[in-house]
Amino acid sequence: MFFKKHSGDPGAVDDSGVVAGQRYRSAGVKTIVWEVSAVLRYPWEPSPHVRLQRVGIPGDLKTIGLETLLDLRYFEPEK
């Protein structure tokens, strides 16, 4: 199944202010730094998603809900 970006521009700004290039650190014992590579909005999903790329390991990718990225229990913005 192929997915297309409904939002158009991968750097599209959502109401949350998250844009491509921002970095977030995973919360927990083993912290990993992730960089937002795209903000996605799928037509069948009510909320936007973000594609994350692990800093230092470009082949490690994952897509998560924007709400999860903004939840401080899981991720925190890197300063």
C-alpha atoms as a PDB file:
ATOM      1  CA  MET A   1       0.000   0.000   0.000  1.00  0.00           C
ATOM      2  CA  PHE A   2       1.358   3.423  -0.903  1.00  0.00           C
ATOM      3  CA  PHE A   3       0.906   6.480   1.268  1.00  0.00           C
ATOM      4  CA  LYS A   4       0.998  10.018   0.060  1.00  0.00           C
ATOM      5  CA  LYS A   5       1.481  13.121   2.103  1.00  0.00           C
ATOM      6  CA  HIS A   6      -1.840  14.890   2.333  1.00  0.00           C
ATOM      7  CA  SER A   7      -0.314  18.013   3.847  1.00  0.00           C
ATOM      8  CA  GLY A   8       1.818  18.677   0.782  1.00  0.00           C
ATOM      9  CA  ASP A   9       4.964  20.350   2.069  1.00  0.00           C
ATOM     10  CA  PRO A  10       7.014  18.106   4.421  1.00  0.00           C
ATOM     11  CA  GLY A  11       7.848  21.218   6.433  1.00  0.00           C
ATOM     12  CA  ALA A  12       4.205  22.174   6.803  1.00  0.00           C
ATOM     13  CA  VAL A  13       3.454  23.803  10.143  1.00  0.00           C
ATOM     14  CA  ASP A  14       0.626  22.347  12.156  1.00  0.00           C
ATOM     15  CA  ASP A  15      -1.193  24.136  14.987  1.00  0.00           C
ATOM     16  CA  SER A  16       1.367  22.653  17.368  1.00  0.00           C
ATOM     17  CA  GLY A  17       4.291  24.462  15.705  1.00  0.00           C
ATOM     18  CA  VAL A  18       6.199  21.259  14.940  1.00  0.00           C
ATOM     19  CA  VAL A  19       8.242  21.538  11.733  1.00  0.00           C
ATOM     20  CA  ALA A  20      10.817  19.427   9.930  1.00  0.00           C
ATOM     21  CA  GLY A  21      14.280  19.784  11.419  1.00  0.00           C
ATOM     22  CA  GLN A  22      13.246  20.006  15.075  1.00  0.00           C
ATOM     23  CA  ARG A  23      14.889  17.516  17.411  1.00  0.00           C
ATOM     24  CA  TYR A  24      13.349  15.597  20.300  1.00  0.00           C
ATOM     25  CA  ARG A  25      14.919  13.355  22.909  1.00  0.00           C
ATOM     26  CA  SER A  26      13.179  10.163  23.944  1.00  0.00           C
ATOM     27  CA  ALA A  27      12.298  10.052  27.631  1.00  0.00           C
ATOM     28  CA  GLY A  28      13.438   7.161  29.724  1.00  0.00           C
ATOM     29  CA  VAL A  29      16.606   5.398  30.764  1.00  0.00           C
ATOM     30  CA  LYS A  30      18.088   5.138  27.256  1.00  0.00           C
ATOM     31  CA  THR A  31      17.721   8.508  25.578  1.00  0.00           C
ATOM     32  CA  ILE A  32      17.789   8.706  21.784  1.00  0.00           C
ATOM     33  CA  VAL A  33      17.710  11.922  19.774  1.00  0.00           C
ATOM     34  CA  TRP A  34      15.180  12.016  16.919  1.00  0.00           C
ATOM     35  CA  GLU A  35      14.773  14.649  14.211  1.00  0.00           C
ATOM     36  CA  VAL A  36      11.441  15.441  12.570  1.00  0.00           C
ATOM     37  CA  SER A  37      11.805  14.801   8.835  1.00  0.00           C
ATOM     38  CA  ALA A  38       8.168  15.432   7.846  1.00  0.00           C
ATOM     39  CA  VAL A  39       4.787  16.405   9.260  1.00  0.00           C
ATOM     40  CA  LEU A  40       2.147  14.183   7.679  1.00  0.00           C
ATOM     41  CA  ARG A  41      -1.618  14.340   7.525  1.00  0.00           C
ATOM     42  CA  TYR A  42      -3.342  11.233   6.214  1.00  0.00           C
ATOM     43  CA  PRO A  43      -6.923  11.589   4.943  1.00  0.00           C
ATOM     44  CA  TRP A  44      -8.102   8.560   6.949  1.00  0.00           C
ATOM     45  CA  GLU A  45      -6.521   9.723  10.248  1.00  0.00           C
ATOM     46  CA  PRO A  46      -8.102  12.473  12.365  1.00  0.00           C
ATOM     47  CA  SER A  47      -4.774  13.727  13.739  1.00  0.00           C
ATOM     48  CA  PRO A  48      -1.431  14.515  12.080  1.00  0.00           C
ATOM     49  CA  HIS A  49       1.634  12.289  12.286  1.00  0.00           C
ATOM     50  CA  VAL A  50       5.363  12.972  12.169  1.00  0.00           C
ATOM     51  CA  ARG A  51       8.123  10.992  10.524  1.00  0.00           C
ATOM     52  CA  LEU A  52      11.179  10.771  12.777  1.00  0.00           C
ATOM     53  CA  GLN A  53      14.752   9.988  11.792  1.00  0.00           C
ATOM     54  CA  ARG A  54      17.275   8.933  14.412  1.00  0.00           C
ATOM     55  CA  VAL A  55      20.165  11.401  14.626  1.00  0.00           C
ATOM     56  CA  GLY A  56      23.402   9.681  13.647  1.00  0.00           C
ATOM     57  CA  ILE A  57      21.633   6.645  12.162  1.00  0.00           C
ATOM     58  CA  PRO A  58      19.685   7.883   9.103  1.00  0.00           C
ATOM     59  CA  GLY A  59      18.290   4.438   8.303  1.00  0.00           C
ATOM     60  CA  ASP A  60      16.386   4.286  11.593  1.00  0.00           C
ATOM     61  CA  LEU A  61      12.976   5.816  10.812  1.00  0.00           C
ATOM     62  CA  LYS A  62       9.580   5.727  12.463  1.00  0.00           C
ATOM     63  CA  THR A  63       6.240   7.450  12.103  1.00  0.00           C
ATOM     64  CA  ILE A  64       4.246   8.362  15.204  1.00  0.00           C
ATOM     65  CA  GLY A  65       1.219  10.457  16.055  1.00  0.00           C
ATOM     66  CA  LEU A  66       1.913  14.129  16.693  1.00  0.00           C
ATOM     67  CA  GLU A  67       0.148  13.853  20.053  1.00  0.00           C
ATOM     68  CA  THR A  68       2.661  11.194  21.112  1.00  0.00           C
ATOM     69  CA  LEU A  69       5.599  13.394  20.110  1.00  0.00           C
ATOM     70  CA  LEU A  70       4.240  16.257  22.209  1.00  0.00           C
ATOM     71  CA  ASP A  71       3.559  14.034  25.251  1.00  0.00           C
ATOM     72  CA  LEU A  72       6.381  14.676  27.742  1.00  0.00           C
ATOM     73  CA  ARG A  73       6.093  11.118  29.053  1.00  0.00           C
ATOM     74  CA  TYR A  74       7.629   9.898  25.772  1.00  0.00           C
ATOM     75  CA  PHE A  75       9.574  12.767  24.161  1.00  0.00           C
ATOM     76  CA  GLU A  76      10.960  16.141  25.176  1.00  0.00           C
ATOM     77  CA  PRO A  77      12.310  18.886  22.912  1.00  0.00           C
ATOM     78  CA  GLU A  78      16.078  18.984  22.692  1.00  0.00           C
ATOM     79  CA  LYS A  79      17.558  22.269  23.791  1.00  0.00           C
END
